[in-house]
Amino acid sequence: MSEERGFTVRDRRRMRPDAGASEAPGTQTPKGADRPKTSLPPVDFTGFVVGLAQMALVHLGEVADPATGEVRPDLEQARHTIDILDMLQEKTRGNLTPDEATLLRTVSADLKLKFVRASRGRD
């Protein structure tokens, strides 16, 4: 008869040195939870729209990509982001403050104009 060998499980996760007694052994705070807060802006509709507009400007080649520092137009991605803004405008109609509605309408119109200009430059 052969002898069955079991296996051993070792928890190699690191415990926080300041873990309180209320935490169960082996539990851990989610990654990054003990880091200091960054200075990210609050999550709001205006910031969301401005973020999408910034992405569209990067794809239009109007500004450098913040990750790479390169200016590389991608009109297909720009069109897609503009379409997202249009969809957002349609789906939120009647549910926005006047300022939010104006921002969304203005940003979308400005980006469409820039898209047309960028498209003509490619021909």
N, C-alpha and C. Protein backbone atom coordinates (compact mmCIF):
# COMPACT_ATOMS: atom_id res chain seq x y z
N MET A 1 0.82 -1.16 0.00
CA MET A 1 0.00 0.00 0.00
C MET A 1 0.88 1.24 0.00
N SER A 2 0.50 2.20 -0.81
CA SER A 2 1.30 3.43 -0.86
C SER A 2 0.82 4.41 0.20
N GLU A 3 1.75 5.16 0.67
CA GLU A 3 1.42 6.15 1.71
C GLU A 3 1.02 7.46 1.03
N GLU A 4 -0.15 7.97 1.38
CA GLU A 4 -0.60 9.24 0.80
C GLU A 4 0.10 10.37 1.52
N ARG A 5 0.55 11.33 0.71
CA ARG A 5 1.19 12.50 1.29
C ARG A 5 0.24 13.66 1.16
N GLY A 6 0.03 14.37 2.20
CA GLY A 6 -0.82 15.55 2.19
C GLY A 6 -0.04 16.75 1.69
N PHE A 7 -0.65 17.86 1.77
CA PHE A 7 0.04 19.09 1.38
C PHE A 7 -0.15 20.12 2.47
N THR A 8 0.75 21.08 2.49
CA THR A 8 0.72 22.12 3.50
C THR A 8 0.46 23.45 2.83
N VAL A 9 -0.44 24.23 3.41
CA VAL A 9 -0.74 25.56 2.91
C VAL A 9 -0.09 26.56 3.85
N ARG A 10 0.72 27.45 3.30
CA ARG A 10 1.36 28.49 4.10
C ARG A 10 0.86 29.85 3.63
N ASP A 11 0.35 30.62 4.55
CA ASP A 11 -0.12 31.97 4.24
C ASP A 11 1.09 32.89 4.25
N ARG A 12 1.50 33.34 3.09
CA ARG A 12 2.69 34.19 2.99
C ARG A 12 2.34 35.67 2.86
N ARG A 13 1.04 35.97 3.03
CA ARG A 13 0.66 37.37 2.97
C ARG A 13 1.27 38.08 4.15
N ARG A 14 1.62 39.33 3.93
CA ARG A 14 2.20 40.12 5.00
C ARG A 14 1.11 40.79 5.81
N MET A 15 1.28 40.75 7.09
CA MET A 15 0.35 41.43 7.99
C MET A 15 0.85 42.85 8.20
N ARG A 16 -0.10 43.76 8.34
CA ARG A 16 0.28 45.13 8.68
C ARG A 16 0.77 45.11 10.12
N PRO A 17 1.86 45.82 10.41
CA PRO A 17 2.35 45.83 11.78
C PRO A 17 1.37 46.50 12.75
N ASP A 18 0.51 47.39 12.27
CA ASP A 18 -0.42 48.09 13.15
C ASP A 18 -1.80 47.45 13.17
N ALA A 19 -1.90 46.20 12.71
CA ALA A 19 -3.20 45.53 12.67
C ALA A 19 -3.76 45.41 14.09
N GLY A 20 -5.00 45.81 14.23
CA GLY A 20 -5.64 45.80 15.54
C GLY A 20 -6.11 44.43 15.94
N ALA A 21 -6.49 44.29 17.19
CA ALA A 21 -6.95 43.01 17.69
C ALA A 21 -8.28 42.61 17.08
N SER A 22 -9.01 43.60 16.51
CA SER A 22 -10.31 43.29 15.94
C SER A 22 -10.20 42.55 14.61
N GLU A 23 -9.01 42.57 14.02
CA GLU A 23 -8.83 41.87 12.75
C GLU A 23 -8.58 40.40 13.01
N ALA A 24 -9.16 39.57 12.18
CA ALA A 24 -8.93 38.14 12.31
C ALA A 24 -7.52 37.82 11.84
N PRO A 25 -6.90 36.82 12.41
CA PRO A 25 -5.56 36.44 11.97
C PRO A 25 -5.57 36.09 10.49
N GLY A 26 -4.56 36.57 9.79
CA GLY A 26 -4.45 36.26 8.36
C GLY A 26 -5.21 37.21 7.47
N THR A 27 -5.99 38.15 8.04
CA THR A 27 -6.69 39.11 7.20
C THR A 27 -5.76 40.26 6.89
N GLN A 28 -6.07 40.96 5.85
CA GLN A 28 -5.19 42.02 5.41
C GLN A 28 -6.02 43.17 4.87
N THR A 29 -5.56 44.37 5.07
CA THR A 29 -6.22 45.55 4.53
C THR A 29 -6.05 45.53 3.02
N PRO A 30 -7.08 45.93 2.24
CA PRO A 30 -6.95 45.95 0.78
C PRO A 30 -5.73 46.75 0.35
N LYS A 31 -5.11 46.27 -0.71
CA LYS A 31 -3.90 46.88 -1.22
C LYS A 31 -4.10 48.38 -1.46
N GLY A 32 -3.23 49.18 -0.90
CA GLY A 32 -3.28 50.62 -1.09
C GLY A 32 -4.17 51.35 -0.10
N ALA A 33 -4.91 50.63 0.74
CA ALA A 33 -5.83 51.29 1.66
C ALA A 33 -5.11 52.08 2.73
N ASP A 34 -3.88 51.67 3.06
CA ASP A 34 -3.15 52.38 4.10
C ASP A 34 -2.25 53.48 3.53
N ARG A 35 -2.31 53.71 2.24
CA ARG A 35 -1.53 54.78 1.62
C ARG A 35 -2.20 56.12 1.87
N PRO A 36 -1.38 57.17 1.89
CA PRO A 36 -2.00 58.50 2.05
C PRO A 36 -2.87 58.83 0.84
N LYS A 37 -3.91 59.60 1.09
CA LYS A 37 -4.80 60.01 0.02
C LYS A 37 -4.05 60.88 -0.99
N THR A 38 -4.36 60.69 -2.26
CA THR A 38 -3.78 61.54 -3.29
C THR A 38 -4.68 62.74 -3.49
N SER A 39 -4.23 63.65 -4.28
CA SER A 39 -5.01 64.87 -4.50
C SER A 39 -5.87 64.75 -5.75
N LEU A 40 -6.55 63.63 -5.90
CA LEU A 40 -7.45 63.45 -7.03
C LEU A 40 -8.68 64.33 -6.82
N PRO A 41 -9.21 64.86 -7.92
CA PRO A 41 -10.41 65.68 -7.77
C PRO A 41 -11.60 64.81 -7.36
N PRO A 42 -12.61 65.42 -6.78
CA PRO A 42 -13.78 64.62 -6.40
C PRO A 42 -14.46 64.04 -7.64
N VAL A 43 -15.13 62.93 -7.46
CA VAL A 43 -15.84 62.30 -8.56
C VAL A 43 -17.16 63.05 -8.74
N ASP A 44 -17.29 63.68 -9.89
CA ASP A 44 -18.53 64.37 -10.21
C ASP A 44 -18.73 64.36 -11.73
N PHE A 45 -19.89 64.76 -12.15
CA PHE A 45 -20.24 64.71 -13.57
C PHE A 45 -19.32 65.59 -14.41
N THR A 46 -19.04 66.79 -13.92
CA THR A 46 -18.18 67.71 -14.66
C THR A 46 -16.80 67.11 -14.88
N GLY A 47 -16.22 66.55 -13.83
CA GLY A 47 -14.91 65.92 -13.97
C GLY A 47 -14.92 64.76 -14.94
N PHE A 48 -16.01 64.01 -14.94
CA PHE A 48 -16.13 62.88 -15.85
C PHE A 48 -16.15 63.35 -17.30
N VAL A 49 -16.95 64.38 -17.57
CA VAL A 49 -17.05 64.92 -18.94
C VAL A 49 -15.71 65.51 -19.37
N VAL A 50 -15.07 66.25 -18.48
CA VAL A 50 -13.78 66.85 -18.81
C VAL A 50 -12.73 65.75 -19.07
N GLY A 51 -12.77 64.67 -18.31
CA GLY A 51 -11.86 63.55 -18.54
C GLY A 51 -12.07 62.92 -19.91
N LEU A 52 -13.32 62.72 -20.30
CA LEU A 52 -13.60 62.18 -21.64
C LEU A 52 -13.13 63.14 -22.72
N ALA A 53 -13.36 64.43 -22.50
CA ALA A 53 -12.92 65.43 -23.48
C ALA A 53 -11.40 65.42 -23.61
N GLN A 54 -10.71 65.27 -22.49
CA GLN A 54 -9.24 65.20 -22.53
C GLN A 54 -8.78 63.99 -23.33
N MET A 55 -9.44 62.86 -23.12
CA MET A 55 -9.10 61.67 -23.91
C MET A 55 -9.31 61.92 -25.39
N ALA A 56 -10.41 62.56 -25.74
CA ALA A 56 -10.69 62.85 -27.15
C ALA A 56 -9.62 63.77 -27.72
N LEU A 57 -9.19 64.76 -26.96
CA LEU A 57 -8.15 65.68 -27.44
C LEU A 57 -6.84 64.94 -27.67
N VAL A 58 -6.52 63.99 -26.81
CA VAL A 58 -5.32 63.17 -27.02
C VAL A 58 -5.46 62.39 -28.32
N HIS A 59 -6.62 61.78 -28.54
CA HIS A 59 -6.84 60.98 -29.75
C HIS A 59 -6.89 61.84 -31.01
N LEU A 60 -7.29 63.08 -30.85
CA LEU A 60 -7.30 63.99 -32.00
C LEU A 60 -5.91 64.53 -32.31
N GLY A 61 -4.97 64.29 -31.42
CA GLY A 61 -3.62 64.81 -31.62
C GLY A 61 -3.48 66.27 -31.22
N GLU A 62 -4.45 66.77 -30.46
CA GLU A 62 -4.43 68.16 -30.01
C GLU A 62 -3.48 68.35 -28.83
N VAL A 63 -3.35 67.32 -28.01
CA VAL A 63 -2.45 67.36 -26.86
C VAL A 63 -1.69 66.03 -26.79
N ALA A 64 -0.56 66.08 -26.09
CA ALA A 64 0.25 64.87 -25.94
C ALA A 64 -0.41 63.89 -25.00
N ASP A 65 -0.18 62.63 -25.25
CA ASP A 65 -0.66 61.58 -24.36
C ASP A 65 0.07 61.73 -23.02
N PRO A 66 -0.66 61.87 -21.92
CA PRO A 66 0.01 62.07 -20.63
C PRO A 66 0.89 60.89 -20.21
N ALA A 67 0.58 59.69 -20.68
CA ALA A 67 1.36 58.51 -20.30
C ALA A 67 2.69 58.44 -21.04
N THR A 68 2.69 58.84 -22.31
CA THR A 68 3.89 58.68 -23.13
C THR A 68 4.54 60.01 -23.51
N GLY A 69 3.78 61.09 -23.45
CA GLY A 69 4.30 62.38 -23.88
C GLY A 69 4.29 62.54 -25.39
N GLU A 70 3.78 61.56 -26.09
CA GLU A 70 3.75 61.59 -27.56
C GLU A 70 2.42 62.13 -28.07
N VAL A 71 2.48 62.76 -29.24
CA VAL A 71 1.27 63.20 -29.93
C VAL A 71 1.07 62.22 -31.08
N ARG A 72 0.04 61.38 -30.95
CA ARG A 72 -0.24 60.37 -31.97
C ARG A 72 -1.74 60.34 -32.21
N PRO A 73 -2.20 61.03 -33.24
CA PRO A 73 -3.64 61.04 -33.52
C PRO A 73 -4.18 59.64 -33.81
N ASP A 74 -5.37 59.39 -33.32
CA ASP A 74 -6.10 58.16 -33.59
C ASP A 74 -7.56 58.57 -33.74
N LEU A 75 -7.93 58.91 -34.98
CA LEU A 75 -9.26 59.46 -35.23
C LEU A 75 -10.38 58.47 -34.94
N GLU A 76 -10.12 57.20 -35.08
CA GLU A 76 -11.16 56.21 -34.77
C GLU A 76 -11.48 56.25 -33.27
N GLN A 77 -10.46 56.32 -32.44
CA GLN A 77 -10.68 56.41 -30.99
C GLN A 77 -11.31 57.74 -30.62
N ALA A 78 -10.90 58.81 -31.30
CA ALA A 78 -11.50 60.13 -31.04
C ALA A 78 -13.00 60.09 -31.36
N ARG A 79 -13.35 59.52 -32.48
CA ARG A 79 -14.77 59.42 -32.87
C ARG A 79 -15.55 58.61 -31.84
N HIS A 80 -14.94 57.54 -31.35
CA HIS A 80 -15.60 56.69 -30.36
C HIS A 80 -15.86 57.47 -29.07
N THR A 81 -14.89 58.24 -28.63
CA THR A 81 -15.05 59.02 -27.40
C THR A 81 -16.11 60.11 -27.59
N ILE A 82 -16.14 60.72 -28.75
CA ILE A 82 -17.17 61.72 -29.05
C ILE A 82 -18.55 61.06 -29.06
N ASP A 83 -18.62 59.85 -29.60
CA ASP A 83 -19.89 59.11 -29.58
C ASP A 83 -20.34 58.80 -28.14
N ILE A 84 -19.38 58.52 -27.27
CA ILE A 84 -19.72 58.28 -25.86
C ILE A 84 -20.33 59.54 -25.26
N LEU A 85 -19.75 60.70 -25.56
CA LEU A 85 -20.30 61.96 -25.05
C LEU A 85 -21.70 62.20 -25.59
N ASP A 86 -21.93 61.89 -26.87
CA ASP A 86 -23.27 62.04 -27.45
C ASP A 86 -24.28 61.10 -26.78
N MET A 87 -23.86 59.87 -26.53
CA MET A 87 -24.73 58.91 -25.85
C MET A 87 -25.05 59.40 -24.44
N LEU A 88 -24.04 59.91 -23.77
CA LEU A 88 -24.23 60.43 -22.42
C LEU A 88 -25.21 61.60 -22.42
N GLN A 89 -25.10 62.44 -23.43
CA GLN A 89 -26.01 63.58 -23.55
C GLN A 89 -27.45 63.10 -23.74
N GLU A 90 -27.62 62.10 -24.55
CA GLU A 90 -28.96 61.55 -24.81
C GLU A 90 -29.53 60.87 -23.56
N LYS A 91 -28.73 60.06 -22.90
CA LYS A 91 -29.20 59.27 -21.76
C LYS A 91 -29.44 60.11 -20.51
N THR A 92 -28.81 61.28 -20.43
CA THR A 92 -28.97 62.12 -19.23
C THR A 92 -29.89 63.31 -19.47
N ARG A 93 -30.48 63.39 -20.66
CA ARG A 93 -31.36 64.52 -20.96
C ARG A 93 -32.45 64.65 -19.89
N GLY A 94 -32.58 65.86 -19.36
CA GLY A 94 -33.58 66.13 -18.35
C GLY A 94 -33.12 65.83 -16.92
N ASN A 95 -31.94 65.25 -16.77
CA ASN A 95 -31.44 64.88 -15.45
C ASN A 95 -30.19 65.66 -15.05
N LEU A 96 -29.81 66.64 -15.83
CA LEU A 96 -28.61 67.41 -15.54
C LEU A 96 -28.97 68.82 -15.09
N THR A 97 -28.05 69.42 -14.35
CA THR A 97 -28.24 70.83 -14.02
C THR A 97 -28.02 71.62 -15.31
N PRO A 98 -28.50 72.85 -15.37
CA PRO A 98 -28.26 73.65 -16.58
C PRO A 98 -26.77 73.78 -16.92
N ASP A 99 -25.93 73.95 -15.91
CA ASP A 99 -24.49 74.06 -16.16
C ASP A 99 -23.91 72.76 -16.73
N GLU A 100 -24.34 71.62 -16.19
CA GLU A 100 -23.86 70.33 -16.69
C GLU A 100 -24.31 70.10 -18.13
N ALA A 101 -25.56 70.43 -18.43
CA ALA A 101 -26.08 70.25 -19.79
C ALA A 101 -25.32 71.14 -20.77
N THR A 102 -25.04 72.38 -20.37
CA THR A 102 -24.30 73.30 -21.23
C THR A 102 -22.89 72.80 -21.46
N LEU A 103 -22.24 72.33 -20.40
CA LEU A 103 -20.88 71.80 -20.53
C LEU A 103 -20.85 70.64 -21.52
N LEU A 104 -21.74 69.69 -21.34
CA LEU A 104 -21.76 68.50 -22.20
C LEU A 104 -22.03 68.89 -23.65
N ARG A 105 -22.99 69.77 -23.88
CA ARG A 105 -23.33 70.22 -25.23
C ARG A 105 -22.14 70.95 -25.88
N THR A 106 -21.51 71.84 -25.12
CA THR A 106 -20.40 72.64 -25.65
C THR A 106 -19.18 71.78 -25.95
N VAL A 107 -18.84 70.90 -25.01
CA VAL A 107 -17.68 70.02 -25.20
C VAL A 107 -17.89 69.14 -26.43
N SER A 108 -19.07 68.57 -26.56
CA SER A 108 -19.36 67.70 -27.70
C SER A 108 -19.26 68.47 -29.02
N ALA A 109 -19.83 69.65 -29.07
CA ALA A 109 -19.78 70.44 -30.30
C ALA A 109 -18.35 70.84 -30.65
N ASP A 110 -17.58 71.26 -29.66
CA ASP A 110 -16.19 71.66 -29.90
C ASP A 110 -15.36 70.48 -30.41
N LEU A 111 -15.55 69.32 -29.81
CA LEU A 111 -14.80 68.14 -30.23
C LEU A 111 -15.18 67.71 -31.65
N LYS A 112 -16.46 67.82 -31.99
CA LYS A 112 -16.89 67.46 -33.34
C LYS A 112 -16.24 68.38 -34.37
N LEU A 113 -16.15 69.65 -34.06
CA LEU A 113 -15.49 70.60 -34.97
C LEU A 113 -14.02 70.23 -35.13
N LYS A 114 -13.35 69.95 -34.04
CA LYS A 114 -11.94 69.55 -34.11
C LYS A 114 -11.77 68.24 -34.87
N PHE A 115 -12.73 67.33 -34.71
CA PHE A 115 -12.67 66.06 -35.43
C PHE A 115 -12.76 66.30 -36.94
N VAL A 116 -13.68 67.15 -37.36
CA VAL A 116 -13.83 67.44 -38.79
C VAL A 116 -12.54 68.05 -39.33
N ARG A 117 -11.99 69.00 -38.60
CA ARG A 117 -10.73 69.63 -39.03
C ARG A 117 -9.60 68.61 -39.13
N ALA A 118 -9.50 67.72 -38.14
CA ALA A 118 -8.44 66.71 -38.15
C ALA A 118 -8.66 65.72 -39.29
N SER A 119 -9.91 65.39 -39.58
CA SER A 119 -10.22 64.46 -40.67
C SER A 119 -9.84 65.06 -42.02
N ARG A 120 -10.10 66.33 -42.19
CA ARG A 120 -9.76 67.00 -43.46
C ARG A 120 -8.26 67.09 -43.63
N GLY A 121 -7.52 67.19 -42.53
CA GLY A 121 -6.07 67.27 -42.60
C GLY A 121 -5.42 65.98 -43.02
N ARG A 122 -6.14 64.87 -42.85
CA ARG A 122 -5.60 63.55 -43.22
C ARG A 122 -5.72 63.28 -44.71
N ASP A 123 -6.67 63.93 -45.35
CA ASP A 123 -6.93 63.63 -46.77
C ASP A 123 -5.81 64.07 -47.67
